Amino acid sequence: MSSEYLDQQTLRLLIEEAVHTALVNHRDLIEAAVSEAILDLKFGLAIEAGDQHDYVAANVIWAKLNDTAP
């Protein structure tokens, strides 16, 4: 069994090409993942506001999640 080693530059180019291909060919999946992450972040911020013992009305939470003013 033979072993082949890649130098750092070749490995870097292979990784860059793989990431580029993933971003181009699976753009919808990347957009969905980023969108979900942003939604989770907004929801976390709303929870933190509630944890400070301040009442937060449901419409304010939904406004933050929907990115609109209450």
PDB file of N, CA and C in Angstrom:
ATOM      1  N   MET A   1       0.843  -1.176   0.000  1.00  0.00           N
ATOM      2  CA  MET A   1       0.000   0.000   0.000  1.00  0.00           C
ATOM      3  C   MET A   1       0.888   1.240   0.000  1.00  0.00           C
ATOM      4  N   SER A   2       0.654   2.137  -0.919  1.00  0.00           N
ATOM      5  CA  SER A   2       1.495   3.323  -1.004  1.00  0.00           C
ATOM      6  C   SER A   2       0.815   4.497  -0.308  1.00  0.00           C
ATOM      7  N   SER A   3       1.625   5.369   0.215  1.00  0.00           N
ATOM      8  CA  SER A   3       1.130   6.575   0.867  1.00  0.00           C
ATOM      9  C   SER A   3       1.571   7.780   0.068  1.00  0.00           C
ATOM     10  N   GLU A   4       0.647   8.706  -0.116  1.00  0.00           N
ATOM     11  CA  GLU A   4       0.985   9.946  -0.803  1.00  0.00           C
ATOM     12  C   GLU A   4       0.763  11.098   0.162  1.00  0.00           C
ATOM     13  N   TYR A   5       1.664  12.031   0.134  1.00  0.00           N
ATOM     14  CA  TYR A   5       1.574  13.193   1.003  1.00  0.00           C
ATOM     15  C   TYR A   5       1.360  14.437   0.151  1.00  0.00           C
ATOM     16  N   LEU A   6       0.533  15.329   0.657  1.00  0.00           N
ATOM     17  CA  LEU A   6       0.285  16.587  -0.031  1.00  0.00           C
ATOM     18  C   LEU A   6       1.027  17.696   0.697  1.00  0.00           C
ATOM     19  N   ASP A   7       1.642  18.566  -0.085  1.00  0.00           N
ATOM     20  CA  ASP A   7       2.270  19.712   0.563  1.00  0.00           C
ATOM     21  C   ASP A   7       1.189  20.695   0.970  1.00  0.00           C
ATOM     22  N   GLN A   8       1.547  21.642   1.794  1.00  0.00           N
ATOM     23  CA  GLN A   8       0.576  22.574   2.370  1.00  0.00           C
ATOM     24  C   GLN A   8      -0.143  23.380   1.286  1.00  0.00           C
ATOM     25  N   GLN A   9       0.563  23.822   0.276  1.00  0.00           N
ATOM     26  CA  GLN A   9      -0.040  24.617  -0.790  1.00  0.00           C
ATOM     27  C   GLN A   9      -1.062  23.807  -1.580  1.00  0.00           C
ATOM     28  N   THR A  10      -0.739  22.554  -1.890  1.00  0.00           N
ATOM     29  CA  THR A  10      -1.672  21.705  -2.637  1.00  0.00           C
ATOM     30  C   THR A  10      -2.923  21.435  -1.809  1.00  0.00           C
ATOM     31  N   LEU A  11      -2.734  21.156  -0.539  1.00  0.00           N
ATOM     32  CA  LEU A  11      -3.865  20.916   0.346  1.00  0.00           C
ATOM     33  C   LEU A  11      -4.746  22.154   0.447  1.00  0.00           C
ATOM     34  N   ARG A  12      -4.124  23.320   0.577  1.00  0.00           N
ATOM     35  CA  ARG A  12      -4.874  24.578   0.643  1.00  0.00           C
ATOM     36  C   ARG A  12      -5.710  24.777  -0.624  1.00  0.00           C
ATOM     37  N   LEU A  13      -5.128  24.521  -1.785  1.00  0.00           N
ATOM     38  CA  LEU A  13      -5.859  24.679  -3.042  1.00  0.00           C
ATOM     39  C   LEU A  13      -7.025  23.697  -3.144  1.00  0.00           C
ATOM     40  N   LEU A  14      -6.819  22.452  -2.703  1.00  0.00           N
ATOM     41  CA  LEU A  14      -7.900  21.467  -2.720  1.00  0.00           C
ATOM     42  C   LEU A  14      -9.050  21.880  -1.807  1.00  0.00           C
ATOM     43  N   ILE A  15      -8.729  22.391  -0.633  1.00  0.00           N
ATOM     44  CA  ILE A  15      -9.759  22.827   0.301  1.00  0.00           C
ATOM     45  C   ILE A  15     -10.503  24.038  -0.251  1.00  0.00           C
ATOM     46  N   GLU A  16      -9.774  24.996  -0.807  1.00  0.00           N
ATOM     47  CA  GLU A  16     -10.407  26.172  -1.402  1.00  0.00           C
ATOM     48  C   GLU A  16     -11.356  25.769  -2.525  1.00  0.00           C
ATOM     49  N   GLU A  17     -10.933  24.829  -3.363  1.00  0.00           N
ATOM     50  CA  GLU A  17     -11.779  24.370  -4.464  1.00  0.00           C
ATOM     51  C   GLU A  17     -13.025  23.657  -3.933  1.00  0.00           C
ATOM     52  N   ALA A  18     -12.868  22.859  -2.890  1.00  0.00           N
ATOM     53  CA  ALA A  18     -14.012  22.148  -2.307  1.00  0.00           C
ATOM     54  C   ALA A  18     -15.011  23.120  -1.695  1.00  0.00           C
ATOM     55  N   VAL A  19     -14.525  24.123  -0.977  1.00  0.00           N
ATOM     56  CA  VAL A  19     -15.414  25.113  -0.368  1.00  0.00           C
ATOM     57  C   VAL A  19     -16.120  25.918  -1.459  1.00  0.00           C
ATOM     58  N   HIS A  20     -15.375  26.329  -2.459  1.00  0.00           N
ATOM     59  CA  HIS A  20     -15.960  27.085  -3.572  1.00  0.00           C
ATOM     60  C   HIS A  20     -17.050  26.271  -4.262  1.00  0.00           C
ATOM     61  N   THR A  21     -16.776  25.010  -4.531  1.00  0.00           N
ATOM     62  CA  THR A  21     -17.754  24.137  -5.183  1.00  0.00           C
ATOM     63  C   THR A  21     -19.002  23.986  -4.319  1.00  0.00           C
ATOM     64  N   ALA A  22     -18.815  23.810  -3.018  1.00  0.00           N
ATOM     65  CA  ALA A  22     -19.959  23.672  -2.111  1.00  0.00           C
ATOM     66  C   ALA A  22     -20.797  24.939  -2.106  1.00  0.00           C
ATOM     67  N   LEU A  23     -20.137  26.090  -2.069  1.00  0.00           N
ATOM     68  CA  LEU A  23     -20.868  27.356  -2.049  1.00  0.00           C
ATOM     69  C   LEU A  23     -21.630  27.593  -3.348  1.00  0.00           C
ATOM     70  N   VAL A  24     -21.050  27.226  -4.451  1.00  0.00           N
ATOM     71  CA  VAL A  24     -21.685  27.453  -5.751  1.00  0.00           C
ATOM     72  C   VAL A  24     -22.793  26.435  -6.011  1.00  0.00           C
ATOM     73  N   ASN A  25     -22.512  25.175  -5.751  1.00  0.00           N
ATOM     74  CA  ASN A  25     -23.470  24.122  -6.096  1.00  0.00           C
ATOM     75  C   ASN A  25     -24.570  23.922  -5.052  1.00  0.00           C
ATOM     76  N   HIS A  26     -24.338  24.368  -3.840  1.00  0.00           N
ATOM     77  CA  HIS A  26     -25.316  24.158  -2.771  1.00  0.00           C
ATOM     78  C   HIS A  26     -25.665  25.469  -2.083  1.00  0.00           C
ATOM     79  N   ARG A  27     -25.825  26.485  -2.882  1.00  0.00           N
ATOM     80  CA  ARG A  27     -26.108  27.816  -2.354  1.00  0.00           C
ATOM     81  C   ARG A  27     -27.379  27.841  -1.514  1.00  0.00           C
ATOM     82  N   ASP A  28     -28.406  27.120  -1.951  1.00  0.00           N
ATOM     83  CA  ASP A  28     -29.672  27.098  -1.225  1.00  0.00           C
ATOM     84  C   ASP A  28     -29.510  26.512   0.175  1.00  0.00           C
ATOM     85  N   LEU A  29     -28.690  25.480   0.304  1.00  0.00           N
ATOM     86  CA  LEU A  29     -28.459  24.887   1.617  1.00  0.00           C
ATOM     87  C   LEU A  29     -27.691  25.834   2.531  1.00  0.00           C
ATOM     88  N   ILE A  30     -26.713  26.534   1.965  1.00  0.00           N
ATOM     89  CA  ILE A  30     -25.927  27.493   2.748  1.00  0.00           C
ATOM     90  C   ILE A  30     -26.826  28.631   3.213  1.00  0.00           C
ATOM     91  N   GLU A  31     -27.664  29.146   2.310  1.00  0.00           N
ATOM     92  CA  GLU A  31     -28.580  30.233   2.670  1.00  0.00           C
ATOM     93  C   GLU A  31     -29.542  29.798   3.765  1.00  0.00           C
ATOM     94  N   ALA A  32     -30.061  28.582   3.666  1.00  0.00           N
ATOM     95  CA  ALA A  32     -30.984  28.074   4.679  1.00  0.00           C
ATOM     96  C   ALA A  32     -30.295  27.934   6.031  1.00  0.00           C
ATOM     97  N   ALA A  33     -29.069  27.449   6.027  1.00  0.00           N
ATOM     98  CA  ALA A  33     -28.332  27.277   7.279  1.00  0.00           C
ATOM     99  C   ALA A  33     -28.033  28.620   7.931  1.00  0.00           C
ATOM    100  N   VAL A  34     -27.615  29.598   7.137  1.00  0.00           N
ATOM    101  CA  VAL A  34     -27.322  30.926   7.678  1.00  0.00           C
ATOM    102  C   VAL A  34     -28.603  31.590   8.181  1.00  0.00           C
ATOM    103  N   SER A  35     -29.681  31.434   7.446  1.00  0.00           N
ATOM    104  CA  SER A  35     -30.956  31.998   7.861  1.00  0.00           C
ATOM    105  C   SER A  35     -31.417  31.399   9.190  1.00  0.00           C
ATOM    106  N   GLU A  36     -31.290  30.097   9.340  1.00  0.00           N
ATOM    107  CA  GLU A  36     -31.658  29.440  10.597  1.00  0.00           C
ATOM    108  C   GLU A  36     -30.775  29.910  11.747  1.00  0.00           C
ATOM    109  N   ALA A  37     -29.491  30.089  11.471  1.00  0.00           N
ATOM    110  CA  ALA A  37     -28.571  30.556  12.511  1.00  0.00           C
ATOM    111  C   ALA A  37     -28.944  31.957  12.973  1.00  0.00           C
ATOM    112  N   ILE A  38     -29.301  32.826  12.045  1.00  0.00           N
ATOM    113  CA  ILE A  38     -29.707  34.192  12.402  1.00  0.00           C
ATOM    114  C   ILE A  38     -31.001  34.166  13.204  1.00  0.00           C
ATOM    115  N   LEU A  39     -31.948  33.333  12.800  1.00  0.00           N
ATOM    116  CA  LEU A  39     -33.193  33.203  13.535  1.00  0.00           C
ATOM    117  C   LEU A  39     -32.947  32.699  14.955  1.00  0.00           C
ATOM    118  N   ASP A  40     -32.067  31.721  15.102  1.00  0.00           N
ATOM    119  CA  ASP A  40     -31.715  31.204  16.432  1.00  0.00           C
ATOM    120  C   ASP A  40     -31.074  32.286  17.289  1.00  0.00           C
ATOM    121  N   LEU A  41     -30.217  33.105  16.682  1.00  0.00           N
ATOM    122  CA  LEU A  41     -29.573  34.189  17.404  1.00  0.00           C
ATOM    123  C   LEU A  41     -30.605  35.198  17.892  1.00  0.00           C
ATOM    124  N   LYS A  42     -31.531  35.579  17.018  1.00  0.00           N
ATOM    125  CA  LYS A  42     -32.578  36.524  17.412  1.00  0.00           C
ATOM    126  C   LYS A  42     -33.447  35.952  18.527  1.00  0.00           C
ATOM    127  N   PHE A  43     -33.771  34.668  18.439  1.00  0.00           N
ATOM    128  CA  PHE A  43     -34.577  34.031  19.463  1.00  0.00           C
ATOM    129  C   PHE A  43     -33.823  34.008  20.792  1.00  0.00           C
ATOM    130  N   GLY A  44     -32.524  33.739  20.728  1.00  0.00           N
ATOM    131  CA  GLY A  44     -31.696  33.758  21.935  1.00  0.00           C
ATOM    132  C   GLY A  44     -31.661  35.133  22.579  1.00  0.00           C
ATOM    133  N   LEU A  45     -31.574  36.177  21.769  1.00  0.00           N
ATOM    134  CA  LEU A  45     -31.582  37.541  22.300  1.00  0.00           C
ATOM    135  C   LEU A  45     -32.916  37.867  22.965  1.00  0.00           C
ATOM    136  N   ALA A  46     -34.004  37.380  22.382  1.00  0.00           N
ATOM    137  CA  ALA A  46     -35.315  37.600  22.986  1.00  0.00           C
ATOM    138  C   ALA A  46     -35.419  36.871  24.321  1.00  0.00           C
ATOM    139  N   ILE A  47     -34.874  35.670  24.392  1.00  0.00           N
ATOM    140  CA  ILE A  47     -34.881  34.914  25.651  1.00  0.00           C
ATOM    141  C   ILE A  47     -34.055  35.630  26.706  1.00  0.00           C
ATOM    142  N   GLU A  48     -32.898  36.140  26.314  1.00  0.00           N
ATOM    143  CA  GLU A  48     -32.055  36.887  27.260  1.00  0.00           C
ATOM    144  C   GLU A  48     -32.787  38.112  27.797  1.00  0.00           C
ATOM    145  N   ALA A  49     -33.518  38.801  26.951  1.00  0.00           N
ATOM    146  CA  ALA A  49     -34.276  39.971  27.400  1.00  0.00           C
ATOM    147  C   ALA A  49     -35.311  39.547  28.435  1.00  0.00           C
ATOM    148  N   GLY A  50     -35.934  38.402  28.238  1.00  0.00           N
ATOM    149  CA  GLY A  50     -36.905  37.898  29.193  1.00  0.00           C
ATOM    150  C   GLY A  50     -36.261  37.439  30.486  1.00  0.00           C
ATOM    151  N   ASP A  51     -35.018  36.956  30.413  1.00  0.00           N
ATOM    152  CA  ASP A  51     -34.316  36.495  31.603  1.00  0.00           C
ATOM    153  C   ASP A  51     -33.883  37.640  32.508  1.00  0.00           C
ATOM    154  N   GLN A  52     -33.991  38.857  32.054  1.00  0.00           N
ATOM    155  CA  GLN A  52     -33.607  40.017  32.863  1.00  0.00           C
ATOM    156  C   GLN A  52     -34.799  40.515  33.678  1.00  0.00           C
ATOM    157  N   HIS A  53     -35.799  39.664  33.823  1.00  0.00           N
ATOM    158  CA  HIS A  53     -36.997  39.936  34.609  1.00  0.00           C
ATOM    159  C   HIS A  53     -37.844  41.077  34.055  1.00  0.00           C
ATOM    160  N   ASP A  54     -37.633  41.422  32.804  1.00  0.00           N
ATOM    161  CA  ASP A  54     -38.482  42.411  32.146  1.00  0.00           C
ATOM    162  C   ASP A  54     -39.525  41.648  31.333  1.00  0.00           C
ATOM    163  N   TYR A  55     -40.758  42.099  31.393  1.00  0.00           N
ATOM    164  CA  TYR A  55     -41.805  41.480  30.597  1.00  0.00           C
ATOM    165  C   TYR A  55     -41.589  41.846  29.136  1.00  0.00           C
ATOM    166  N   VAL A  56     -41.654  40.854  28.291  1.00  0.00           N
ATOM    167  CA  VAL A  56     -41.555  41.082  26.853  1.00  0.00           C
ATOM    168  C   VAL A  56     -42.820  40.537  26.219  1.00  0.00           C
ATOM    169  N   ALA A  57     -43.568  41.401  25.610  1.00  0.00           N
ATOM    170  CA  ALA A  57     -44.829  41.007  24.983  1.00  0.00           C
ATOM    171  C   ALA A  57     -44.558  40.116  23.773  1.00  0.00           C
ATOM    172  N   ALA A  58     -45.494  39.237  23.507  1.00  0.00           N
ATOM    173  CA  ALA A  58     -45.353  38.302  22.394  1.00  0.00           C
ATOM    174  C   ALA A  58     -45.147  39.031  21.069  1.00  0.00           C
ATOM    175  N   ASN A  59     -45.856  40.151  20.875  1.00  0.00           N
ATOM    176  CA  ASN A  59     -45.713  40.866  19.598  1.00  0.00           C
ATOM    177  C   ASN A  59     -44.309  41.449  19.422  1.00  0.00           C
ATOM    178  N   VAL A  60     -43.659  41.792  20.526  1.00  0.00           N
ATOM    179  CA  VAL A  60     -42.282  42.303  20.446  1.00  0.00           C
ATOM    180  C   VAL A  60     -41.339  41.177  20.036  1.00  0.00           C
ATOM    181  N   ILE A  61     -41.541  40.004  20.617  1.00  0.00           N
ATOM    182  CA  ILE A  61     -40.702  38.854  20.253  1.00  0.00           C
ATOM    183  C   ILE A  61     -40.887  38.508  18.784  1.00  0.00           C
ATOM    184  N   TRP A  62     -42.141  38.431  18.336  1.00  0.00           N
ATOM    185  CA  TRP A  62     -42.385  38.106  16.931  1.00  0.00           C
ATOM    186  C   TRP A  62     -41.847  39.191  16.002  1.00  0.00           C
ATOM    187  N   ALA A  63     -41.915  40.442  16.443  1.00  0.00           N
ATOM    188  CA  ALA A  63     -41.374  41.534  15.622  1.00  0.00           C
ATOM    189  C   ALA A  63     -39.867  41.373  15.473  1.00  0.00           C
ATOM    190  N   LYS A  64     -39.181  40.991  16.557  1.00  0.00           N
ATOM    191  CA  LYS A  64     -37.738  40.773  16.465  1.00  0.00           C
ATOM    192  C   LYS A  64     -37.425  39.587  15.556  1.00  0.00           C
ATOM    193  N   LEU A  65     -38.219  38.527  15.667  1.00  0.00           N
ATOM    194  CA  LEU A  65     -37.987  37.365  14.829  1.00  0.00           C
ATOM    195  C   LEU A  65     -38.259  37.658  13.363  1.00  0.00           C
ATOM    196  N   ASN A  66     -39.240  38.498  13.103  1.00  0.00           N
ATOM    197  CA  ASN A  66     -39.589  38.835  11.729  1.00  0.00           C
ATOM    198  C   ASN A  66     -38.842  40.069  11.211  1.00  0.00           C
ATOM    199  N   ASP A  67     -38.012  40.650  12.074  1.00  0.00           N
ATOM    200  CA  ASP A  67     -37.191  41.790  11.680  1.00  0.00           C
ATOM    201  C   ASP A  67     -38.035  43.021  11.351  1.00  0.00           C
ATOM    202  N   THR A  68     -39.111  43.216  12.093  1.00  0.00           N
ATOM    203  CA  THR A  68     -39.956  44.397  11.894  1.00  0.00           C
ATOM    204  C   THR A  68     -40.084  45.143  13.214  1.00  0.00           C
ATOM    205  N   ALA A  69     -40.447  46.385  13.141  1.00  0.00           N
ATOM    206  CA  ALA A  69     -40.651  47.174  14.362  1.00  0.00           C
ATOM    207  C   ALA A  69     -42.000  46.825  14.964  1.00  0.00           C
ATOM    208  N   PRO A  70     -42.097  46.793  16.315  1.00  0.00           N
ATOM    209  CA  PRO A  70     -43.378  46.470  16.964  1.00  0.00           C
ATOM    210  C   PRO A  70     -44.409  47.566  16.782  1.00  0.00           C
TER     211      PRO A  70
END
